[in-house]
């Protein structure tokens, strides 16, 4: 099972063999199932197929820069750049 705690509100999202039985305002139950299924994709595939994932990475980069965690911010931006390689702009 893949239980996890929401990093924003602290709610625990509980997984069962039939899917998630709890969620929160940040991770509604049906959205959690979609997120977990998408974890089988590589970061590049997720960035290229899920615009909301790309925005989330960029939002987290801003948070890292604001907290002076520049090494992590750089690594996250490198993932976005890797996904953009070969994509027409």
N, C-alpha and C. Protein backbone atom coordinates (compact mmCIF):
# COMPACT_ATOMS: atom_id res chain seq x y z
N UNK A 1 0.84 -1.18 0.00
CA UNK A 1 0.00 0.00 0.00
C UNK A 1 0.89 1.25 0.00
N UNK A 2 0.31 2.35 -0.43
CA UNK A 2 1.07 3.59 -0.55
C UNK A 2 0.42 4.72 0.26
N UNK A 3 0.27 4.51 1.55
CA UNK A 3 -0.25 5.58 2.40
C UNK A 3 0.77 6.72 2.41
N UNK A 4 0.28 7.95 2.48
CA UNK A 4 1.20 9.07 2.60
C UNK A 4 0.51 10.21 3.32
N UNK A 5 1.32 11.12 3.82
CA UNK A 5 0.83 12.29 4.55
C UNK A 5 0.97 13.52 3.65
N UNK A 6 -0.12 14.27 3.49
CA UNK A 6 -0.09 15.48 2.68
C UNK A 6 0.91 16.46 3.30
N UNK A 7 1.82 16.95 2.47
CA UNK A 7 2.84 17.86 2.96
C UNK A 7 2.28 19.25 3.26
N UNK A 8 1.06 19.53 2.81
CA UNK A 8 0.48 20.86 3.01
C UNK A 8 -0.42 20.93 4.24
N UNK A 9 -1.27 19.90 4.45
CA UNK A 9 -2.22 19.98 5.56
C UNK A 9 -2.02 18.89 6.61
N UNK A 10 -1.19 17.88 6.31
CA UNK A 10 -0.91 16.84 7.29
C UNK A 10 -1.89 15.68 7.29
N UNK A 11 -2.91 15.71 6.43
CA UNK A 11 -3.88 14.62 6.37
C UNK A 11 -3.21 13.37 5.81
N UNK A 12 -3.49 12.23 6.43
CA UNK A 12 -2.96 10.96 5.92
C UNK A 12 -3.94 10.41 4.88
N UNK A 13 -3.44 10.10 3.71
CA UNK A 13 -4.23 9.49 2.64
C UNK A 13 -3.96 7.99 2.67
N UNK A 14 -5.02 7.22 2.95
CA UNK A 14 -4.88 5.77 3.13
C UNK A 14 -5.21 5.02 1.86
N UNK A 15 -4.34 4.09 1.52
CA UNK A 15 -4.50 3.26 0.34
C UNK A 15 -5.07 1.90 0.73
N UNK A 16 -5.87 1.32 -0.15
CA UNK A 16 -6.38 -0.04 0.03
C UNK A 16 -6.21 -0.76 -1.30
N UNK A 17 -6.44 -2.07 -1.33
CA UNK A 17 -6.36 -2.78 -2.62
C UNK A 17 -7.35 -2.23 -3.66
N UNK A 18 -8.39 -1.55 -3.22
CA UNK A 18 -9.39 -1.00 -4.13
C UNK A 18 -9.16 0.47 -4.44
N UNK A 19 -8.07 1.04 -3.99
CA UNK A 19 -7.78 2.45 -4.23
C UNK A 19 -7.77 3.22 -2.92
N UNK A 20 -7.59 4.51 -3.02
CA UNK A 20 -7.51 5.35 -1.83
C UNK A 20 -8.90 5.54 -1.22
N UNK A 21 -8.95 5.46 0.11
CA UNK A 21 -10.23 5.62 0.80
C UNK A 21 -10.34 6.96 1.50
N UNK A 22 -9.24 7.69 1.58
CA UNK A 22 -9.26 9.04 2.14
C UNK A 22 -8.46 9.95 1.25
N UNK A 23 -8.72 11.22 1.37
CA UNK A 23 -8.00 12.23 0.63
C UNK A 23 -8.06 13.52 1.44
N UNK A 24 -7.71 14.61 0.82
CA UNK A 24 -7.79 15.92 1.47
C UNK A 24 -8.05 16.94 0.38
N UNK A 25 -8.10 18.22 0.77
CA UNK A 25 -8.37 19.24 -0.22
C UNK A 25 -7.28 19.33 -1.29
N UNK A 26 -6.06 18.92 -0.93
CA UNK A 26 -4.95 18.98 -1.88
C UNK A 26 -4.86 17.72 -2.74
N UNK A 27 -5.31 16.59 -2.20
CA UNK A 27 -5.27 15.30 -2.89
C UNK A 27 -6.62 14.60 -2.73
N UNK A 28 -7.63 15.00 -3.52
CA UNK A 28 -8.91 14.28 -3.45
C UNK A 28 -8.69 12.80 -3.78
N UNK A 29 -9.57 11.94 -3.26
CA UNK A 29 -9.38 10.49 -3.41
C UNK A 29 -9.13 10.06 -4.85
N UNK A 30 -9.94 10.53 -5.81
CA UNK A 30 -9.77 10.10 -7.20
C UNK A 30 -8.48 10.66 -7.79
N UNK A 31 -8.09 11.85 -7.38
CA UNK A 31 -6.85 12.44 -7.88
C UNK A 31 -5.64 11.66 -7.37
N UNK A 32 -5.72 11.17 -6.14
CA UNK A 32 -4.61 10.40 -5.57
C UNK A 32 -4.37 9.15 -6.40
N UNK A 33 -5.43 8.45 -6.78
CA UNK A 33 -5.26 7.25 -7.60
C UNK A 33 -4.57 7.58 -8.93
N UNK A 34 -4.96 8.70 -9.54
CA UNK A 34 -4.32 9.11 -10.80
C UNK A 34 -2.85 9.43 -10.58
N UNK A 35 -2.54 10.10 -9.49
CA UNK A 35 -1.15 10.46 -9.19
C UNK A 35 -0.31 9.20 -9.01
N UNK A 36 -0.80 8.25 -8.22
CA UNK A 36 -0.03 7.04 -7.97
C UNK A 36 0.19 6.26 -9.26
N UNK A 37 -0.84 6.17 -10.11
CA UNK A 37 -0.68 5.47 -11.39
C UNK A 37 0.37 6.16 -12.25
N UNK A 38 0.44 7.50 -12.16
CA UNK A 38 1.39 8.24 -12.98
C UNK A 38 2.83 8.08 -12.49
N UNK A 39 3.02 7.57 -11.29
CA UNK A 39 4.37 7.41 -10.76
C UNK A 39 5.17 6.37 -11.53
N UNK A 40 4.48 5.53 -12.33
CA UNK A 40 5.19 4.56 -13.15
C UNK A 40 5.91 5.24 -14.32
N UNK A 41 5.53 6.49 -14.61
CA UNK A 41 6.17 7.23 -15.68
C UNK A 41 7.48 7.84 -15.17
N UNK A 42 8.40 8.08 -16.08
CA UNK A 42 9.62 8.79 -15.70
C UNK A 42 9.29 10.26 -15.47
N UNK A 43 10.19 10.98 -14.86
CA UNK A 43 9.98 12.41 -14.63
C UNK A 43 9.77 13.11 -15.98
N UNK A 44 10.58 12.77 -16.97
CA UNK A 44 10.45 13.39 -18.29
C UNK A 44 9.08 13.11 -18.89
N UNK A 45 8.60 11.87 -18.81
CA UNK A 45 7.28 11.53 -19.35
C UNK A 45 6.18 12.30 -18.62
N UNK A 46 6.33 12.41 -17.31
CA UNK A 46 5.31 13.14 -16.54
C UNK A 46 5.30 14.61 -16.91
N UNK A 47 6.47 15.21 -17.07
CA UNK A 47 6.55 16.63 -17.43
C UNK A 47 5.90 16.85 -18.80
N UNK A 48 6.17 15.94 -19.74
CA UNK A 48 5.67 16.11 -21.10
C UNK A 48 4.19 15.77 -21.26
N UNK A 49 3.62 14.98 -20.36
CA UNK A 49 2.23 14.57 -20.50
C UNK A 49 1.30 15.17 -19.47
N UNK A 50 1.86 15.76 -18.42
CA UNK A 50 1.02 16.29 -17.35
C UNK A 50 1.45 17.73 -17.03
N UNK A 51 0.79 18.70 -17.65
CA UNK A 51 1.17 20.11 -17.43
C UNK A 51 1.15 20.50 -15.95
N UNK A 52 0.23 19.93 -15.19
CA UNK A 52 0.16 20.28 -13.77
C UNK A 52 1.40 19.80 -13.02
N UNK A 53 2.02 18.71 -13.45
CA UNK A 53 3.24 18.22 -12.83
C UNK A 53 4.39 19.19 -13.09
N UNK A 54 4.47 19.69 -14.32
CA UNK A 54 5.50 20.66 -14.68
C UNK A 54 5.36 21.92 -13.81
N UNK A 55 4.12 22.42 -13.67
CA UNK A 55 3.88 23.60 -12.83
C UNK A 55 4.26 23.32 -11.38
N UNK A 56 3.96 22.11 -10.89
CA UNK A 56 4.29 21.77 -9.51
C UNK A 56 5.80 21.76 -9.30
N UNK A 57 6.54 21.22 -10.25
CA UNK A 57 8.01 21.22 -10.14
C UNK A 57 8.51 22.67 -10.09
N UNK A 58 8.01 23.51 -10.98
CA UNK A 58 8.47 24.89 -11.02
C UNK A 58 8.08 25.64 -9.73
N UNK A 59 6.91 25.35 -9.19
CA UNK A 59 6.51 25.96 -7.91
C UNK A 59 7.47 25.55 -6.80
N UNK A 60 7.84 24.27 -6.80
CA UNK A 60 8.77 23.78 -5.78
C UNK A 60 10.16 24.38 -5.97
N UNK A 61 10.56 24.64 -7.21
CA UNK A 61 11.85 25.29 -7.46
C UNK A 61 11.86 26.66 -6.80
N UNK A 62 10.78 27.41 -6.98
CA UNK A 62 10.70 28.74 -6.36
C UNK A 62 10.82 28.63 -4.84
N UNK A 63 10.13 27.65 -4.25
CA UNK A 63 10.22 27.45 -2.80
C UNK A 63 11.66 27.16 -2.37
N UNK A 64 12.35 26.33 -3.15
CA UNK A 64 13.74 25.98 -2.82
C UNK A 64 14.64 27.19 -2.91
N UNK A 65 14.45 28.01 -3.95
CA UNK A 65 15.26 29.21 -4.10
C UNK A 65 15.01 30.17 -2.93
N UNK A 66 13.74 30.32 -2.56
CA UNK A 66 13.41 31.21 -1.44
C UNK A 66 14.02 30.73 -0.13
N UNK A 67 14.20 29.41 0.01
CA UNK A 67 14.78 28.89 1.25
C UNK A 67 16.29 28.65 1.11
N UNK A 68 16.88 29.18 0.04
CA UNK A 68 18.32 29.05 -0.23
C UNK A 68 18.79 27.62 -0.42
N UNK A 69 17.89 26.73 -0.84
CA UNK A 69 18.27 25.35 -1.15
C UNK A 69 18.53 25.27 -2.66
N UNK A 70 19.58 25.95 -3.08
CA UNK A 70 19.83 26.13 -4.51
C UNK A 70 20.24 24.84 -5.22
N UNK A 71 20.92 23.94 -4.52
CA UNK A 71 21.34 22.69 -5.16
C UNK A 71 20.12 21.91 -5.62
N UNK A 72 19.11 21.78 -4.75
CA UNK A 72 17.89 21.04 -5.11
C UNK A 72 17.16 21.77 -6.23
N UNK A 73 17.10 23.10 -6.16
CA UNK A 73 16.43 23.88 -7.20
C UNK A 73 17.08 23.64 -8.57
N UNK A 74 18.40 23.62 -8.59
CA UNK A 74 19.12 23.38 -9.85
C UNK A 74 18.81 21.99 -10.39
N UNK A 75 18.81 20.98 -9.53
CA UNK A 75 18.53 19.61 -9.97
C UNK A 75 17.12 19.50 -10.54
N UNK A 76 16.16 20.18 -9.91
CA UNK A 76 14.79 20.14 -10.39
C UNK A 76 14.67 20.83 -11.75
N UNK A 77 15.34 21.96 -11.91
CA UNK A 77 15.32 22.65 -13.20
C UNK A 77 16.00 21.82 -14.29
N UNK A 78 17.03 21.09 -13.93
CA UNK A 78 17.69 20.20 -14.90
C UNK A 78 16.71 19.15 -15.42
N UNK A 79 15.82 18.66 -14.55
CA UNK A 79 14.82 17.68 -14.99
C UNK A 79 13.86 18.30 -16.01
N UNK A 80 13.46 19.54 -15.76
CA UNK A 80 12.57 20.22 -16.72
C UNK A 80 13.29 20.43 -18.04
N UNK A 81 14.54 20.87 -17.97
CA UNK A 81 15.31 21.07 -19.21
C UNK A 81 15.50 19.77 -19.98
N UNK A 82 15.76 18.68 -19.25
CA UNK A 82 15.91 17.38 -19.91
C UNK A 82 14.63 16.99 -20.62
N UNK A 83 13.49 17.25 -20.02
CA UNK A 83 12.21 16.94 -20.65
C UNK A 83 11.97 17.78 -21.90
N UNK A 84 12.51 19.00 -21.88
CA UNK A 84 12.31 19.91 -23.02
C UNK A 84 13.21 19.61 -24.22
N UNK A 85 14.25 18.82 -24.01
CA UNK A 85 15.16 18.51 -25.11
C UNK A 85 14.39 17.81 -26.22
N UNK A 86 14.51 18.34 -27.41
CA UNK A 86 13.86 17.73 -28.56
C UNK A 86 12.42 18.16 -28.74
N UNK A 87 11.90 18.97 -27.84
CA UNK A 87 10.52 19.45 -27.97
C UNK A 87 10.55 20.79 -28.69
N UNK A 88 9.75 20.92 -29.75
CA UNK A 88 9.69 22.21 -30.47
C UNK A 88 9.11 23.27 -29.57
N UNK A 89 9.72 24.40 -29.57
CA UNK A 89 9.25 25.52 -28.73
C UNK A 89 8.63 26.58 -29.58
